[in-house]
């Protein structure tokens, strides 16, 4: 049996009781280590679970999934995912591979940013399509996600923006030369995301458009959701460029064109102008 087990958003204790029982009896336990992070490291998880964990990076999961599935038809193998197992499409691929090999699977769900984002007071059923904002480079500055944000806003829907994570990434030079040298991890902040969004707004204006998102659009910045020191700040897109939310992981919400009075009242609790 292959088990895909969600770990939640905070620390080692956020795993469900059911998930923990399965982890403790499995023959092999993998920890997916590239779509998100917890506030504690692998060692803290091993201590709490009472099990050794095998780190599975993007290359292992996407290119060498057969290693993870090896003997899973006769042994119990767990694949641990920060948040919920279906928060990333990679994990659907793992299930499809297992099914083709005749390996049964079971999913143990947990909280993810996709539903925990409701902590800011915006109602989940008022969200439109989720988008990802990636780190720009000198030669690659994608803007296509902005059209989805505009479409959501024009429909009165909020947009959850998932911010880029770079873990075990190689520079172009090291990649070309085949050197297994990796850059330090990088996690996009709300400030960086807001600055890129403002550049896109300016680009659109220079093209003769008046974008649905402007410097004054109300946004919500969130950091370390699900932890004891989570932080939420509501303010304009311009204010998001300078707000201090501390360490990763960050997420950004761009609000819809209209809001329920209850949503407005909840957001007022996190207004940047009201915070010390």
C-alpha atoms as a PDB file:
ATOM      1  CA  UNK A   1       0.000   0.000   0.000  1.00  0.00           C
ATOM      2  CA  UNK A   2       1.138   3.521  -0.821  1.00  0.00           C
ATOM      3  CA  UNK A   3      -0.005   6.150   1.662  1.00  0.00           C
ATOM      4  CA  UNK A   4       0.000   9.865   0.816  1.00  0.00           C
ATOM      5  CA  UNK A   5      -0.163  11.694   4.120  1.00  0.00           C
ATOM      6  CA  UNK A   6      -0.697  15.419   4.642  1.00  0.00           C
ATOM      7  CA  UNK A   7       1.356  17.027   7.407  1.00  0.00           C
ATOM      8  CA  UNK A   8      -0.557  20.288   7.804  1.00  0.00           C
ATOM      9  CA  UNK A   9       1.073  23.700   7.897  1.00  0.00           C
ATOM     10  CA  UNK A  10       2.803  24.182  11.228  1.00  0.00           C
ATOM     11  CA  UNK A  11       5.111  21.727  12.927  1.00  0.00           C
ATOM     12  CA  UNK A  12       5.520  18.027  13.681  1.00  0.00           C
ATOM     13  CA  UNK A  13       2.331  17.869  15.764  1.00  0.00           C
ATOM     14  CA  UNK A  14       0.050  18.942  12.912  1.00  0.00           C
ATOM     15  CA  UNK A  15      -0.060  15.435  11.434  1.00  0.00           C
ATOM     16  CA  UNK A  16      -3.399  13.707  12.112  1.00  0.00           C
ATOM     17  CA  UNK A  17      -3.621  10.832  14.592  1.00  0.00           C
ATOM     18  CA  UNK A  18      -4.538   8.516  11.713  1.00  0.00           C
ATOM     19  CA  UNK A  19      -1.547   9.715   9.698  1.00  0.00           C
ATOM     20  CA  UNK A  20       0.844   9.257  12.612  1.00  0.00           C
ATOM     21  CA  UNK A  21      -0.352   5.701  13.246  1.00  0.00           C
ATOM     22  CA  UNK A  22       0.306   4.818   9.604  1.00  0.00           C
ATOM     23  CA  UNK A  23       3.758   6.461   9.574  1.00  0.00           C
ATOM     24  CA  UNK A  24       4.845   4.449  12.613  1.00  0.00           C
ATOM     25  CA  UNK A  25       3.980   1.139  10.996  1.00  0.00           C
ATOM     26  CA  UNK A  26       5.283   1.743   7.460  1.00  0.00           C
ATOM     27  CA  UNK A  27       8.387   0.009   6.079  1.00  0.00           C
ATOM     28  CA  UNK A  28       9.633   3.181   4.361  1.00  0.00           C
ATOM     29  CA  UNK A  29       8.677   6.808   4.919  1.00  0.00           C
ATOM     30  CA  UNK A  30       9.501   9.544   2.390  1.00  0.00           C
ATOM     31  CA  UNK A  31       9.313  13.276   3.089  1.00  0.00           C
ATOM     32  CA  UNK A  32       8.558  15.416   0.034  1.00  0.00           C
ATOM     33  CA  UNK A  33      10.949  18.347   0.287  1.00  0.00           C
ATOM     34  CA  UNK A  34      10.287  20.847  -2.484  1.00  0.00           C
ATOM     35  CA  UNK A  35       6.703  22.129  -2.827  1.00  0.00           C
ATOM     36  CA  UNK A  36       6.531  23.578   0.704  1.00  0.00           C
ATOM     37  CA  UNK A  37       8.240  23.630   4.101  1.00  0.00           C
ATOM     38  CA  UNK A  38       7.282  23.267   7.750  1.00  0.00           C
ATOM     39  CA  UNK A  39       8.662  25.466  10.526  1.00  0.00           C
ATOM     40  CA  UNK A  40      10.697  22.519  11.814  1.00  0.00           C
ATOM     41  CA  UNK A  41      13.316  20.392  10.105  1.00  0.00           C
ATOM     42  CA  UNK A  42      13.533  16.709   9.214  1.00  0.00           C
ATOM     43  CA  UNK A  43      15.190  15.832  12.539  1.00  0.00           C
ATOM     44  CA  UNK A  44      12.290  17.231  14.593  1.00  0.00           C
ATOM     45  CA  UNK A  45       9.821  15.218  12.505  1.00  0.00           C
ATOM     46  CA  UNK A  46      11.865  12.046  12.946  1.00  0.00           C
ATOM     47  CA  UNK A  47      11.971  12.544  16.711  1.00  0.00           C
ATOM     48  CA  UNK A  48       8.210  13.059  17.002  1.00  0.00           C
ATOM     49  CA  UNK A  49       7.233  10.314  14.543  1.00  0.00           C
ATOM     50  CA  UNK A  50       9.763   7.853  15.916  1.00  0.00           C
ATOM     51  CA  UNK A  51      10.818   6.993  12.363  1.00  0.00           C
ATOM     52  CA  UNK A  52      13.683   7.735  10.012  1.00  0.00           C
ATOM     53  CA  UNK A  53      12.576   9.791   6.992  1.00  0.00           C
ATOM     54  CA  UNK A  54      13.961   9.624   3.456  1.00  0.00           C
ATOM     55  CA  UNK A  55      14.118  13.055   1.822  1.00  0.00           C
ATOM     56  CA  UNK A  56      12.508  13.082  -1.633  1.00  0.00           C
ATOM     57  CA  UNK A  57      13.428  16.099  -3.737  1.00  0.00           C
ATOM     58  CA  UNK A  58      11.828  17.160  -7.026  1.00  0.00           C
ATOM     59  CA  UNK A  59      14.249  15.093  -9.119  1.00  0.00           C
ATOM     60  CA  UNK A  60      13.574  11.958  -7.078  1.00  0.00           C
ATOM     61  CA  UNK A  61       9.783  12.304  -7.232  1.00  0.00           C
ATOM     62  CA  UNK A  62       9.400  13.418 -10.837  1.00  0.00           C
ATOM     63  CA  UNK A  63      12.143  11.392 -12.491  1.00  0.00           C
ATOM     64  CA  UNK A  64      12.760   8.424 -10.211  1.00  0.00           C
ATOM     65  CA  UNK A  65       9.309   7.722  -8.785  1.00  0.00           C
ATOM     66  CA  UNK A  66       9.839   3.998  -9.313  1.00  0.00           C
ATOM     67  CA  UNK A  67      12.308   4.055  -6.412  1.00  0.00           C
ATOM     68  CA  UNK A  68       9.573   5.331  -4.115  1.00  0.00           C
ATOM     69  CA  UNK A  69       7.074   2.763  -5.385  1.00  0.00           C
ATOM     70  CA  UNK A  70       9.510  -0.150  -5.247  1.00  0.00           C
ATOM     71  CA  UNK A  71       7.990  -3.096  -3.318  1.00  0.00           C
ATOM     72  CA  UNK A  72       4.973  -0.957  -2.348  1.00  0.00           C
ATOM     73  CA  UNK A  73       2.739  -3.797  -3.548  1.00  0.00           C
ATOM     74  CA  UNK A  74       4.070  -6.013  -0.747  1.00  0.00           C
ATOM     75  CA  UNK A  75       5.232  -3.372   1.787  1.00  0.00           C
ATOM     76  CA  UNK A  76       3.716  -0.278   3.325  1.00  0.00           C
ATOM     77  CA  UNK A  77       5.253   2.946   2.006  1.00  0.00           C
ATOM     78  CA  UNK A  78       4.338   6.449   3.193  1.00  0.00           C
ATOM     79  CA  UNK A  79       4.872   9.669   1.245  1.00  0.00           C
ATOM     80  CA  UNK A  80       4.590  12.728   3.480  1.00  0.00           C
ATOM     81  CA  UNK A  81       3.504  16.070   2.036  1.00  0.00           C
ATOM     82  CA  UNK A  82       3.458  19.447   3.787  1.00  0.00           C
ATOM     83  CA  UNK A  83      -0.128  20.724   3.730  1.00  0.00           C
ATOM     84  CA  UNK A  84      -2.473  18.374   1.876  1.00  0.00           C
ATOM     85  CA  UNK A  85      -1.306  15.622  -0.528  1.00  0.00           C
ATOM     86  CA  UNK A  86      -3.223  17.144  -3.440  1.00  0.00           C
ATOM     87  CA  UNK A  87      -1.767  20.624  -3.087  1.00  0.00           C
ATOM     88  CA  UNK A  88       0.628  19.865  -5.979  1.00  0.00           C
ATOM     89  CA  UNK A  89       0.008  18.034  -9.248  1.00  0.00           C
ATOM     90  CA  UNK A  90       3.193  15.997  -8.760  1.00  0.00           C
ATOM     91  CA  UNK A  91       1.377  13.876  -6.221  1.00  0.00           C
ATOM     92  CA  UNK A  92      -1.430  13.001  -8.605  1.00  0.00           C
ATOM     93  CA  UNK A  93       1.255  11.692 -10.940  1.00  0.00           C
ATOM     94  CA  UNK A  94       2.569   9.430  -8.171  1.00  0.00           C
ATOM     95  CA  UNK A  95      -0.899   7.943  -7.698  1.00  0.00           C
ATOM     96  CA  UNK A  96      -1.299   7.359 -11.437  1.00  0.00           C
ATOM     97  CA  UNK A  97       2.051   5.559 -11.526  1.00  0.00           C
ATOM     98  CA  UNK A  98       1.099   3.422  -8.531  1.00  0.00           C
ATOM     99  CA  UNK A  99      -2.244   2.491 -10.094  1.00  0.00           C
ATOM    100  CA  UNK A 100      -0.570   1.398 -13.337  1.00  0.00           C
ATOM    101  CA  UNK A 101       1.717  -0.853 -11.294  1.00  0.00           C
ATOM    102  CA  UNK A 102      -1.239  -2.375  -9.452  1.00  0.00           C
ATOM    103  CA  UNK A 103      -0.257  -0.763  -6.138  1.00  0.00           C
ATOM    104  CA  UNK A 104      -3.234   0.247  -3.960  1.00  0.00           C
ATOM    105  CA  UNK A 105      -3.101   3.703  -2.372  1.00  0.00           C
ATOM    106  CA  UNK A 106      -4.767   5.660   0.404  1.00  0.00           C
ATOM    107  CA  UNK A 107      -4.803   9.404   1.072  1.00  0.00           C
ATOM    108  CA  UNK A 108      -4.814  10.991   4.547  1.00  0.00           C
ATOM    109  CA  UNK A 109      -5.824  14.640   4.168  1.00  0.00           C
ATOM    110  CA  UNK A 110      -4.774  17.664   6.219  1.00  0.00           C
ATOM    111  CA  UNK A 111      -5.020  21.461   6.221  1.00  0.00           C
ATOM    112  CA  UNK A 112      -3.368  23.335   3.348  1.00  0.00           C
ATOM    113  CA  UNK A 113      -2.952  26.991   2.439  1.00  0.00           C
ATOM    114  CA  UNK A 114      -5.852  26.496   0.014  1.00  0.00           C
ATOM    115  CA  UNK A 115      -8.329  26.370   2.897  1.00  0.00           C
ATOM    116  CA  UNK A 116      -6.359  27.833   5.821  1.00  0.00           C
ATOM    117  CA  UNK A 117      -6.184  31.121   3.901  1.00  0.00           C
ATOM    118  CA  UNK A 118      -9.684  31.736   5.267  1.00  0.00           C
ATOM    119  CA  UNK A 119      -7.982  32.824   8.515  1.00  0.00           C
ATOM    120  CA  UNK A 120      -7.848  36.383   7.165  1.00  0.00           C
ATOM    121  CA  UNK A 121     -11.644  36.560   7.075  1.00  0.00           C
ATOM    122  CA  UNK A 122     -12.195  36.389   3.325  1.00  0.00           C
ATOM    123  CA  UNK A 123     -14.792  33.729   2.554  1.00  0.00           C
ATOM    124  CA  UNK A 124     -13.437  30.710   0.719  1.00  0.00           C
ATOM    125  CA  UNK A 125     -16.300  30.469  -1.751  1.00  0.00           C
ATOM    126  CA  UNK A 126     -15.516  34.012  -2.919  1.00  0.00           C
ATOM    127  CA  UNK A 127     -12.130  32.956  -4.315  1.00  0.00           C
ATOM    128  CA  UNK A 128     -11.524  32.498  -8.030  1.00  0.00           C
ATOM    129  CA  UNK A 129      -8.684  30.683  -9.780  1.00  0.00           C
ATOM    130  CA  UNK A 130      -5.463  30.378  -7.769  1.00  0.00           C
ATOM    131  CA  UNK A 131      -2.265  31.617  -9.425  1.00  0.00           C
ATOM    132  CA  UNK A 132       1.458  31.190  -8.867  1.00  0.00           C
ATOM    133  CA  UNK A 133       3.925  34.075  -8.922  1.00  0.00           C
ATOM    134  CA  UNK A 134       7.458  33.008  -9.826  1.00  0.00           C
ATOM    135  CA  UNK A 135      10.805  34.691  -9.353  1.00  0.00           C
ATOM    136  CA  UNK A 136      11.691  36.745 -12.398  1.00  0.00           C
ATOM    137  CA  UNK A 137      15.113  36.483 -14.012  1.00  0.00           C
ATOM    138  CA  UNK A 138      16.950  38.787 -16.422  1.00  0.00           C
ATOM    139  CA  UNK A 139      15.596  36.823 -19.367  1.00  0.00           C
ATOM    140  CA  UNK A 140      12.281  35.403 -18.094  1.00  0.00           C
ATOM    141  CA  UNK A 141       9.578  37.703 -16.750  1.00  0.00           C
ATOM    142  CA  UNK A 142       6.207  35.972 -17.230  1.00  0.00           C
ATOM    143  CA  UNK A 143       3.044  38.037 -16.853  1.00  0.00           C
ATOM    144  CA  UNK A 144       0.340  35.617 -18.006  1.00  0.00           C
ATOM    145  CA  UNK A 145      -0.927  34.964 -14.463  1.00  0.00           C
ATOM    146  CA  UNK A 146      -1.933  38.648 -14.245  1.00  0.00           C
ATOM    147  CA  UNK A 147      -4.754  38.085 -16.741  1.00  0.00           C
ATOM    148  CA  UNK A 148      -6.248  35.476 -14.408  1.00  0.00           C
ATOM    149  CA  UNK A 149      -6.028  37.890 -11.462  1.00  0.00           C
ATOM    150  CA  UNK A 150      -7.805  40.565 -13.508  1.00  0.00           C
ATOM    151  CA  UNK A 151     -10.506  38.120 -14.582  1.00  0.00           C
ATOM    152  CA  UNK A 152     -11.098  37.114 -10.963  1.00  0.00           C
ATOM    153  CA  UNK A 153     -11.313  40.724  -9.802  1.00  0.00           C
ATOM    154  CA  UNK A 154     -13.677  41.708 -12.585  1.00  0.00           C
ATOM    155  CA  UNK A 155     -15.915  38.823 -11.451  1.00  0.00           C
ATOM    156  CA  UNK A 156     -15.769  40.005  -7.833  1.00  0.00           C
ATOM    157  CA  UNK A 157     -13.581  37.056  -6.830  1.00  0.00           C
ATOM    158  CA  UNK A 158     -10.467  37.072  -4.647  1.00  0.00           C
ATOM    159  CA  UNK A 159      -7.192  35.609  -5.935  1.00  0.00           C
ATOM    160  CA  UNK A 160      -4.850  33.515  -3.824  1.00  0.00           C
ATOM    161  CA  UNK A 161      -1.305  33.956  -5.132  1.00  0.00           C
ATOM    162  CA  UNK A 162       1.078  31.159  -4.221  1.00  0.00           C
ATOM    163  CA  UNK A 163       4.612  32.546  -4.079  1.00  0.00           C
ATOM    164  CA  UNK A 164       7.662  30.876  -5.557  1.00  0.00           C
ATOM    165  CA  UNK A 165       9.937  28.491  -3.665  1.00  0.00           C
ATOM    166  CA  UNK A 166      13.379  27.582  -4.977  1.00  0.00           C
ATOM    167  CA  UNK A 167      14.804  24.508  -3.258  1.00  0.00           C
ATOM    168  CA  UNK A 168      17.752  22.524  -4.610  1.00  0.00           C
ATOM    169  CA  UNK A 169      17.857  24.621  -7.776  1.00  0.00           C
ATOM    170  CA  UNK A 170      20.917  24.803 -10.019  1.00  0.00           C
ATOM    171  CA  UNK A 171      22.350  27.831 -11.774  1.00  0.00           C
ATOM    172  CA  UNK A 172      22.319  27.697 -15.579  1.00  0.00           C
ATOM    173  CA  UNK A 173      26.123  27.353 -15.588  1.00  0.00           C
ATOM    174  CA  UNK A 174      26.126  24.390 -13.183  1.00  0.00           C
ATOM    175  CA  UNK A 175      23.241  22.789 -15.065  1.00  0.00           C
ATOM    176  CA  UNK A 176      25.061  23.049 -18.409  1.00  0.00           C
ATOM    177  CA  UNK A 177      28.306  21.703 -16.936  1.00  0.00           C
ATOM    178  CA  UNK A 178      26.495  18.856 -15.172  1.00  0.00           C
ATOM    179  CA  UNK A 179      27.733  19.907 -11.747  1.00  0.00           C
ATOM    180  CA  UNK A 180      25.605  18.787  -8.803  1.00  0.00           C
ATOM    181  CA  UNK A 181      25.998  22.169  -7.125  1.00  0.00           C
ATOM    182  CA  UNK A 182      22.825  23.770  -5.832  1.00  0.00           C
ATOM    183  CA  UNK A 183      21.898  27.352  -5.018  1.00  0.00           C
ATOM    184  CA  UNK A 184      20.777  28.256  -1.467  1.00  0.00           C
ATOM    185  CA  UNK A 185      16.998  27.967  -0.912  1.00  0.00           C
ATOM    186  CA  UNK A 186      14.956  31.059  -1.776  1.00  0.00           C
ATOM    187  CA  UNK A 187      11.409  31.875  -0.739  1.00  0.00           C
ATOM    188  CA  UNK A 188       9.491  34.719  -2.382  1.00  0.00           C
ATOM    189  CA  UNK A 189       8.196  37.339   0.040  1.00  0.00           C
ATOM    190  CA  UNK A 190       4.979  39.336  -0.222  1.00  0.00           C
ATOM    191  CA  UNK A 191       7.183  42.405  -0.838  1.00  0.00           C
ATOM    192  CA  UNK A 192       8.824  40.821  -3.895  1.00  0.00           C
ATOM    193  CA  UNK A 193       5.497  39.597  -5.282  1.00  0.00           C
ATOM    194  CA  UNK A 194       3.921  43.037  -4.877  1.00  0.00           C
ATOM    195  CA  UNK A 195       6.868  44.745  -6.590  1.00  0.00           C
ATOM    196  CA  UNK A 196       6.598  42.393  -9.575  1.00  0.00           C
ATOM    197  CA  UNK A 197       2.844  43.001  -9.759  1.00  0.00           C
ATOM    198  CA  UNK A 198       3.370  46.771  -9.777  1.00  0.00           C
ATOM    199  CA  UNK A 199       5.851  46.404 -12.643  1.00  0.00           C
ATOM    200  CA  UNK A 200       3.209  44.502 -14.613  1.00  0.00           C
ATOM    201  CA  UNK A 201       0.639  47.229 -13.833  1.00  0.00           C
ATOM    202  CA  UNK A 202       3.076  49.810 -15.203  1.00  0.00           C
ATOM    203  CA  UNK A 203       3.813  47.677 -18.285  1.00  0.00           C
ATOM    204  CA  UNK A 204       0.104  47.394 -19.053  1.00  0.00           C
ATOM    205  CA  UNK A 205      -0.356  51.160 -18.753  1.00  0.00           C
ATOM    206  CA  UNK A 206       2.510  51.743 -21.149  1.00  0.00           C
ATOM    207  CA  UNK A 207       0.673  49.457 -23.588  1.00  0.00           C
ATOM    208  CA  UNK A 208      -2.387  51.718 -23.365  1.00  0.00           C
ATOM    209  CA  UNK A 209      -4.406  49.564 -20.963  1.00  0.00           C
ATOM    210  CA  UNK A 210      -5.937  50.522 -17.631  1.00  0.00           C
ATOM    211  CA  UNK A 211      -5.495  47.331 -15.587  1.00  0.00           C
ATOM    212  CA  UNK A 212      -8.121  46.119 -13.126  1.00  0.00           C
ATOM    213  CA  UNK A 213      -5.351  45.896 -10.502  1.00  0.00           C
ATOM    214  CA  UNK A 214      -3.688  49.152  -9.397  1.00  0.00           C
ATOM    215  CA  UNK A 215      -1.442  50.458  -6.625  1.00  0.00           C
ATOM    216  CA  UNK A 216      -4.558  51.070  -4.515  1.00  0.00           C
ATOM    217  CA  UNK A 217      -6.100  47.596  -4.870  1.00  0.00           C
ATOM    218  CA  UNK A 218      -6.755  46.049  -1.458  1.00  0.00           C
ATOM    219  CA  UNK A 219      -4.540  43.024  -0.788  1.00  0.00           C
ATOM    220  CA  UNK A 220      -3.776  40.696   2.095  1.00  0.00           C
ATOM    221  CA  UNK A 221      -0.318  39.425   2.941  1.00  0.00           C
ATOM    222  CA  UNK A 222       0.004  36.238   4.980  1.00  0.00           C
ATOM    223  CA  UNK A 223       3.052  34.598   6.514  1.00  0.00           C
ATOM    224  CA  UNK A 224       3.572  31.228   8.227  1.00  0.00           C
ATOM    225  CA  UNK A 225      -0.142  30.409   8.204  1.00  0.00           C
ATOM    226  CA  UNK A 226      -0.985  27.687  10.710  1.00  0.00           C
ATOM    227  CA  UNK A 227       1.903  28.447  13.064  1.00  0.00           C
ATOM    228  CA  UNK A 228       1.870  30.229  16.417  1.00  0.00           C
ATOM    229  CA  UNK A 229       3.585  33.277  14.925  1.00  0.00           C
ATOM    230  CA  UNK A 230       1.487  33.569  11.770  1.00  0.00           C
ATOM    231  CA  UNK A 231       1.096  37.129  10.543  1.00  0.00           C
ATOM    232  CA  UNK A 232      -1.635  38.758   8.467  1.00  0.00           C
ATOM    233  CA  UNK A 233      -1.631  42.290   7.042  1.00  0.00           C
ATOM    234  CA  UNK A 234      -4.302  43.986   4.927  1.00  0.00           C
ATOM    235  CA  UNK A 235      -3.484  47.050   2.846  1.00  0.00           C
ATOM    236  CA  UNK A 236      -2.991  48.372  -0.666  1.00  0.00           C
ATOM    237  CA  UNK A 237      -0.779  46.652  -3.217  1.00  0.00           C
ATOM    238  CA  UNK A 238       1.636  49.564  -2.769  1.00  0.00           C
ATOM    239  CA  UNK A 239       1.770  48.949   0.993  1.00  0.00           C
ATOM    240  CA  UNK A 240       2.483  45.256   0.378  1.00  0.00           C
ATOM    241  CA  UNK A 241       5.857  46.321  -1.095  1.00  0.00           C
ATOM    242  CA  UNK A 242       7.136  47.423   2.309  1.00  0.00           C
ATOM    243  CA  UNK A 243       5.109  45.543   4.951  1.00  0.00           C
ATOM    244  CA  UNK A 244       7.291  43.402   7.251  1.00  0.00           C
ATOM    245  CA  UNK A 245       5.827  39.906   7.604  1.00  0.00           C
ATOM    246  CA  UNK A 246       9.005  38.160   8.752  1.00  0.00           C
ATOM    247  CA  UNK A 247      10.273  34.808   7.531  1.00  0.00           C
ATOM    248  CA  UNK A 248       8.727  32.350   5.032  1.00  0.00           C
ATOM    249  CA  UNK A 249       6.394  31.027   3.805  1.00  0.00           C
ATOM    250  CA  UNK A 250       4.393  33.947   2.424  1.00  0.00           C
ATOM    251  CA  UNK A 251       1.162  34.108   0.413  1.00  0.00           C
ATOM    252  CA  UNK A 252      -0.644  37.060  -1.137  1.00  0.00           C
ATOM    253  CA  UNK A 253      -4.341  37.637  -1.729  1.00  0.00           C
ATOM    254  CA  UNK A 254      -5.645  40.203  -4.212  1.00  0.00           C
ATOM    255  CA  UNK A 255      -9.207  40.978  -3.245  1.00  0.00           C
ATOM    256  CA  UNK A 256     -12.173  40.973  -5.598  1.00  0.00           C
ATOM    257  CA  UNK A 257     -13.986  44.050  -6.774  1.00  0.00           C
ATOM    258  CA  UNK A 258     -16.681  43.696  -4.111  1.00  0.00           C
ATOM    259  CA  UNK A 259     -16.650  42.311  -0.593  1.00  0.00           C
ATOM    260  CA  UNK A 260     -19.234  41.104   1.907  1.00  0.00           C
ATOM    261  CA  UNK A 261     -19.572  43.443   4.937  1.00  0.00           C
ATOM    262  CA  UNK A 262     -18.370  40.614   7.185  1.00  0.00           C
ATOM    263  CA  UNK A 263     -15.226  40.255   5.066  1.00  0.00           C
ATOM    264  CA  UNK A 264     -14.540  43.996   5.365  1.00  0.00           C
ATOM    265  CA  UNK A 265     -14.991  43.873   9.130  1.00  0.00           C
ATOM    266  CA  UNK A 266     -12.635  40.916   9.456  1.00  0.00           C
ATOM    267  CA  UNK A 267      -9.972  42.563   7.280  1.00  0.00           C
ATOM    268  CA  UNK A 268     -10.117  45.663   9.453  1.00  0.00           C
ATOM    269  CA  UNK A 269      -8.591  43.536  12.241  1.00  0.00           C
ATOM    270  CA  UNK A 270      -5.455  43.191  10.120  1.00  0.00           C
ATOM    271  CA  UNK A 271      -5.292  46.659   8.558  1.00  0.00           C
ATOM    272  CA  UNK A 272      -1.724  47.928   8.189  1.00  0.00           C
ATOM    273  CA  UNK A 273      -2.822  51.399   9.298  1.00  0.00           C
ATOM    274  CA  UNK A 274      -4.177  49.915  12.541  1.00  0.00           C
ATOM    275  CA  UNK A 275      -1.105  47.801  13.361  1.00  0.00           C
ATOM    276  CA  UNK A 276       1.559  49.157  15.746  1.00  0.00           C
END
